[in-house]
Amino acid sequence: MNTFLKHLWVQFKLDIRERGTLMTYYLIPLGFYFLMGAVFSSINPSYKQTLTASMAIFAVTMGAVMGMPIPIVKMRESGVLRSYRISGIPGWAVLLIQSVSAFLHLLVVSIIIFITAPLLFGANNAENLPAYFLILFVLLFVSISIGLLIGVVAGSQPVATMFSQALFLPTMMLSGIMFSGSMLPEPLKLLGRLIPATYIMQCFSGLAYNLSTDIQPIIALLITVVIGVMAASITVVRFNKIQKSL
């Protein structure tokens, strides 16, 4: 256990020192949050209702989906995973440390947004705090699972980047975090139903803020959990195959 915690602490510090990881975990999400929080809260006061949740979804999705896959691909390409295997370090420990480190980083960013959004932009506080943080943890789980999945499926860094962008960009436009999904034409609404962030936004709106939603919030939460479990399961299977081929 002590060895695991030491490795986790080292990984946590390495993530901060790594420029690309620092950008995707902290600088870009927080910079976007401060900019868009000021803009949207000024031109559309109703956006304040779910500003905190929307920016948390943006930050977590960017950090997990854009920030996690590349380091995993790098470890495979550089032979680090092979070195771990030769040293007797199990593959699951590598994935677990990456996951927990990302979870802690993104939780810190989410808490920063949660604390500062009402103070800086007059964002509404969640009416149901336990529900808010439960949904936040589900968001972290499913986003990190998808980030890991991209990392173990992608054959190279450019492919990982392509997969990440293919998920991240629709998340911004179709999930309802930038504007209400009801404004989208029907084909794009249906496309948005393929994105986990769409269901998470429905959960935040219905369960944490007691707002009306297009999807029953409990059903949306269950769908999100199922997506996360499926992504995590496929990741483990794929990673085991990679380990055997090293």
Protein backbone atom coordinates (compact mmCIF):
# COMPACT_ATOMS: atom_id res chain seq x y z
CA MET A 1 0.00 0.00 0.00
CA ASN A 2 2.84 2.38 0.88
CA THR A 3 4.51 1.61 -2.45
CA PHE A 4 1.28 2.36 -4.30
CA LEU A 5 0.84 5.69 -2.48
CA LYS A 6 4.46 6.67 -3.18
CA HIS A 7 4.06 5.85 -6.86
CA LEU A 8 0.78 7.77 -6.93
CA TRP A 9 2.44 10.81 -5.35
CA VAL A 10 5.27 10.66 -7.89
CA GLN A 11 2.76 10.37 -10.75
CA PHE A 12 0.74 13.28 -9.36
CA LYS A 13 3.82 15.52 -9.32
CA LEU A 14 4.93 14.34 -12.77
CA ASP A 15 1.53 15.28 -14.18
CA ILE A 16 1.96 18.82 -12.89
CA ARG A 17 5.49 19.10 -14.28
CA GLU A 18 4.47 17.72 -17.68
CA ARG A 19 3.56 20.76 -19.77
CA GLY A 20 0.96 19.05 -21.94
CA THR A 21 -0.78 17.47 -18.97
CA LEU A 22 -0.71 20.72 -17.02
CA MET A 23 -2.32 22.50 -19.95
CA THR A 24 -5.15 20.00 -20.42
CA TYR A 25 -5.82 19.42 -16.71
CA TYR A 26 -5.57 22.97 -15.40
CA LEU A 27 -4.59 25.90 -17.60
CA ILE A 28 -6.91 25.52 -20.60
CA PRO A 29 -10.02 24.36 -18.67
CA LEU A 30 -9.67 27.09 -16.05
CA GLY A 31 -8.81 29.73 -18.66
CA PHE A 32 -11.86 28.74 -20.70
CA TYR A 33 -13.99 28.75 -17.56
CA PHE A 34 -12.96 32.27 -16.53
CA LEU A 35 -13.45 33.63 -20.06
CA MET A 36 -16.71 31.90 -20.94
CA GLY A 37 -18.11 32.33 -17.45
CA ALA A 38 -17.77 36.09 -17.80
CA VAL A 39 -19.16 36.12 -21.35
CA PHE A 40 -22.14 33.79 -20.92
CA SER A 41 -23.20 35.16 -17.55
CA SER A 42 -23.31 38.65 -19.11
CA ILE A 43 -25.14 37.93 -22.36
CA ASN A 44 -27.42 35.16 -21.06
CA PRO A 45 -28.31 35.44 -17.36
CA SER A 46 -30.21 32.14 -17.47
CA TYR A 47 -26.88 30.40 -18.10
CA LYS A 48 -26.01 31.11 -14.46
CA GLN A 49 -28.45 28.39 -13.43
CA THR A 50 -26.10 25.62 -14.48
CA LEU A 51 -22.82 27.47 -15.10
CA THR A 52 -20.96 25.53 -12.41
CA ALA A 53 -22.07 22.15 -13.73
CA SER A 54 -21.44 23.07 -17.38
CA MET A 55 -17.89 24.22 -16.72
CA ALA A 56 -17.19 21.18 -14.55
CA ILE A 57 -18.26 18.93 -17.43
CA PHE A 58 -16.04 20.89 -19.82
CA ALA A 59 -13.01 20.74 -17.51
CA VAL A 60 -13.34 17.06 -16.64
CA THR A 61 -14.03 15.99 -20.22
CA MET A 62 -11.08 17.94 -21.53
CA GLY A 63 -8.71 16.69 -18.86
CA ALA A 64 -9.72 13.04 -19.14
CA VAL A 65 -10.42 12.72 -22.86
CA MET A 66 -7.71 15.05 -24.16
CA GLY A 67 -5.12 14.67 -21.40
CA MET A 68 -5.04 10.97 -20.50
CA PRO A 69 -4.69 9.02 -23.79
CA ILE A 70 -1.38 10.50 -25.01
CA PRO A 71 0.68 9.59 -21.89
CA ILE A 72 -0.64 6.02 -22.06
CA VAL A 73 0.31 5.72 -25.74
CA LYS A 74 3.72 7.23 -24.94
CA MET A 75 4.33 4.61 -22.24
CA ARG A 76 3.60 1.86 -24.73
CA GLU A 77 5.68 3.37 -27.54
CA SER A 78 8.67 4.20 -25.33
CA GLY A 79 8.84 0.76 -23.73
CA VAL A 80 7.86 1.93 -20.26
CA LEU A 81 5.04 -0.62 -20.04
CA ARG A 82 7.47 -3.38 -21.01
CA SER A 83 9.88 -2.22 -18.31
CA TYR A 84 7.08 -2.30 -15.74
CA ARG A 85 6.20 -5.84 -16.75
CA ILE A 86 9.82 -7.01 -16.54
CA SER A 87 10.10 -5.40 -13.11
CA GLY A 88 7.07 -7.34 -11.93
CA ILE A 89 4.73 -4.34 -11.70
CA PRO A 90 1.23 -5.51 -12.69
CA GLY A 91 -0.48 -3.73 -15.55
CA TRP A 92 -3.58 -2.99 -13.51
CA ALA A 93 -1.44 -0.94 -11.10
CA VAL A 94 -0.26 1.26 -13.97
CA LEU A 95 -3.83 1.97 -15.09
CA LEU A 96 -5.02 2.47 -11.52
CA ILE A 97 -2.30 5.00 -10.72
CA GLN A 98 -3.00 6.91 -13.93
CA SER A 99 -6.72 6.90 -13.12
CA VAL A 100 -6.43 7.98 -9.49
CA SER A 101 -3.94 10.73 -10.34
CA ALA A 102 -6.25 12.09 -13.06
CA PHE A 103 -9.21 11.80 -10.68
CA LEU A 104 -7.46 13.93 -8.06
CA HIS A 105 -6.32 16.59 -10.55
CA LEU A 106 -9.75 16.93 -12.12
CA LEU A 107 -11.48 16.90 -8.74
CA VAL A 108 -9.31 19.85 -7.70
CA VAL A 109 -10.27 21.76 -10.85
CA SER A 110 -13.96 20.94 -10.35
CA ILE A 111 -13.86 22.18 -6.76
CA ILE A 112 -12.16 25.41 -7.88
CA ILE A 113 -15.02 25.95 -10.33
CA PHE A 114 -17.63 25.00 -7.72
CA ILE A 115 -16.28 27.54 -5.21
CA THR A 116 -15.51 30.44 -7.55
CA ALA A 117 -18.45 30.37 -10.00
CA PRO A 118 -21.00 31.81 -7.52
CA LEU A 119 -18.48 34.37 -6.28
CA LEU A 120 -17.21 35.58 -9.65
CA PHE A 121 -20.19 35.16 -11.96
CA GLY A 122 -23.21 34.90 -9.67
CA ALA A 123 -23.80 31.29 -10.67
CA ASN A 124 -26.57 29.46 -8.86
CA ASN A 125 -25.54 27.07 -6.12
CA ALA A 126 -26.78 23.50 -6.46
CA GLU A 127 -29.98 22.96 -4.51
CA ASN A 128 -29.01 19.37 -3.75
CA LEU A 129 -25.31 19.22 -2.84
CA PRO A 130 -25.10 15.44 -2.27
CA ALA A 131 -26.62 14.88 -5.71
CA TYR A 132 -24.20 17.39 -7.25
CA PHE A 133 -21.12 15.63 -5.92
CA LEU A 134 -22.50 12.17 -6.68
CA ILE A 135 -22.99 13.22 -10.30
CA LEU A 136 -19.55 14.83 -10.32
CA PHE A 137 -17.97 11.54 -9.21
CA VAL A 138 -19.91 9.68 -11.91
CA LEU A 139 -18.69 12.26 -14.43
CA LEU A 140 -15.10 11.70 -13.30
CA PHE A 141 -15.51 7.93 -13.48
CA VAL A 142 -17.00 7.79 -16.97
CA SER A 143 -14.65 10.44 -18.41
CA ILE A 144 -11.53 8.76 -17.02
CA SER A 145 -12.75 5.36 -18.25
CA ILE A 146 -13.20 6.77 -21.75
CA GLY A 147 -9.81 8.49 -21.60
CA LEU A 148 -8.15 5.20 -20.66
CA LEU A 149 -10.05 3.39 -23.40
CA ILE A 150 -8.81 5.81 -26.04
CA GLY A 151 -5.27 5.41 -24.71
CA VAL A 152 -5.25 1.61 -24.98
CA VAL A 153 -7.13 1.43 -28.29
CA ALA A 154 -5.20 4.10 -30.23
CA GLY A 155 -2.21 2.72 -32.09
CA SER A 156 -0.24 5.97 -32.09
CA GLN A 157 -0.26 9.45 -30.60
CA PRO A 158 -1.84 11.10 -33.69
CA VAL A 159 -4.61 8.49 -33.68
CA ALA A 160 -5.20 9.08 -29.96
CA THR A 161 -5.46 12.81 -30.59
CA MET A 162 -7.93 12.22 -33.42
CA PHE A 163 -10.13 9.98 -31.25
CA SER A 164 -10.01 12.47 -28.39
CA GLN A 165 -11.02 15.40 -30.57
CA ALA A 166 -13.77 13.34 -32.22
CA LEU A 167 -15.39 13.00 -28.79
CA PHE A 168 -14.44 16.31 -27.19
CA LEU A 169 -15.63 18.69 -29.92
CA PRO A 170 -19.17 17.23 -30.15
CA THR A 171 -19.29 17.28 -26.35
CA MET A 172 -18.90 21.05 -26.42
CA MET A 173 -21.55 21.63 -29.07
CA LEU A 174 -24.15 18.87 -28.63
CA SER A 175 -24.29 17.99 -24.93
CA GLY A 176 -26.06 21.11 -23.70
CA ILE A 177 -23.16 22.59 -21.73
CA MET A 178 -22.81 25.64 -23.99
CA PHE A 179 -26.51 26.13 -24.74
CA SER A 180 -29.71 24.22 -24.19
CA GLY A 181 -29.99 21.03 -26.20
CA SER A 182 -33.59 21.97 -27.01
CA MET A 183 -32.19 24.57 -29.43
CA LEU A 184 -30.64 21.87 -31.61
CA PRO A 185 -32.39 20.39 -34.66
CA GLU A 186 -33.69 16.86 -34.15
CA PRO A 187 -30.84 15.05 -36.00
CA LEU A 188 -28.24 16.78 -33.81
CA LYS A 189 -30.28 16.03 -30.69
CA LEU A 190 -30.15 12.35 -31.58
CA LEU A 191 -26.42 12.60 -32.23
CA GLY A 192 -25.99 14.25 -28.85
CA ARG A 193 -27.60 11.21 -27.20
CA LEU A 194 -24.44 9.28 -28.10
CA ILE A 195 -22.33 11.55 -25.88
CA PRO A 196 -22.01 10.78 -22.14
CA ALA A 197 -21.85 14.47 -21.26
CA THR A 198 -25.41 14.89 -22.55
CA TYR A 199 -26.70 12.52 -19.87
CA ILE A 200 -24.48 14.05 -17.19
CA MET A 201 -25.87 17.50 -18.00
CA GLN A 202 -29.38 16.14 -17.66
CA CYS A 203 -28.44 14.64 -14.28
CA PHE A 204 -27.02 17.91 -12.99
CA SER A 205 -30.03 19.88 -14.20
CA GLY A 206 -32.66 17.53 -12.84
CA LEU A 207 -31.11 16.13 -9.66
CA ALA A 208 -28.77 18.88 -8.45
CA TYR A 209 -30.62 22.01 -9.64
CA ASN A 210 -34.22 20.74 -9.77
CA LEU A 211 -34.73 22.01 -13.31
CA SER A 212 -36.85 20.46 -16.04
CA THR A 213 -35.02 18.01 -18.30
CA ASP A 214 -35.53 16.25 -21.62
CA ILE A 215 -34.42 12.90 -20.18
CA GLN A 216 -35.50 11.45 -16.85
CA PRO A 217 -32.47 12.24 -14.62
CA ILE A 218 -32.28 8.85 -12.88
CA ILE A 219 -32.36 7.07 -16.24
CA ALA A 220 -29.67 9.44 -17.52
CA LEU A 221 -27.52 8.65 -14.47
CA LEU A 222 -27.90 4.90 -15.00
CA ILE A 223 -27.01 5.22 -18.68
CA THR A 224 -23.88 7.17 -17.76
CA VAL A 225 -22.79 4.57 -15.21
CA VAL A 226 -23.32 1.77 -17.74
CA ILE A 227 -21.21 3.65 -20.31
CA GLY A 228 -18.45 4.07 -17.73
CA VAL A 229 -18.50 0.40 -16.70
CA MET A 230 -18.43 -0.73 -20.34
CA ALA A 231 -15.53 1.59 -21.16
CA ALA A 232 -13.57 0.43 -18.10
CA SER A 233 -14.21 -3.25 -18.89
CA ILE A 234 -13.11 -2.92 -22.51
CA THR A 235 -10.04 -1.00 -21.34
CA VAL A 236 -8.99 -3.82 -19.01
CA VAL A 237 -9.47 -6.49 -21.70
CA ARG A 238 -7.57 -4.48 -24.30
CA PHE A 239 -4.78 -3.57 -21.89
CA ASN A 240 -4.28 -7.22 -20.91
CA LYS A 241 -3.84 -8.08 -24.59
CA ILE A 242 -1.27 -5.30 -24.94
CA GLN A 243 0.61 -6.55 -21.88
CA LYS A 244 0.82 -10.08 -23.30
CA SER A 245 2.18 -8.80 -26.60
CA LEU A 246 5.00 -6.78 -25.02
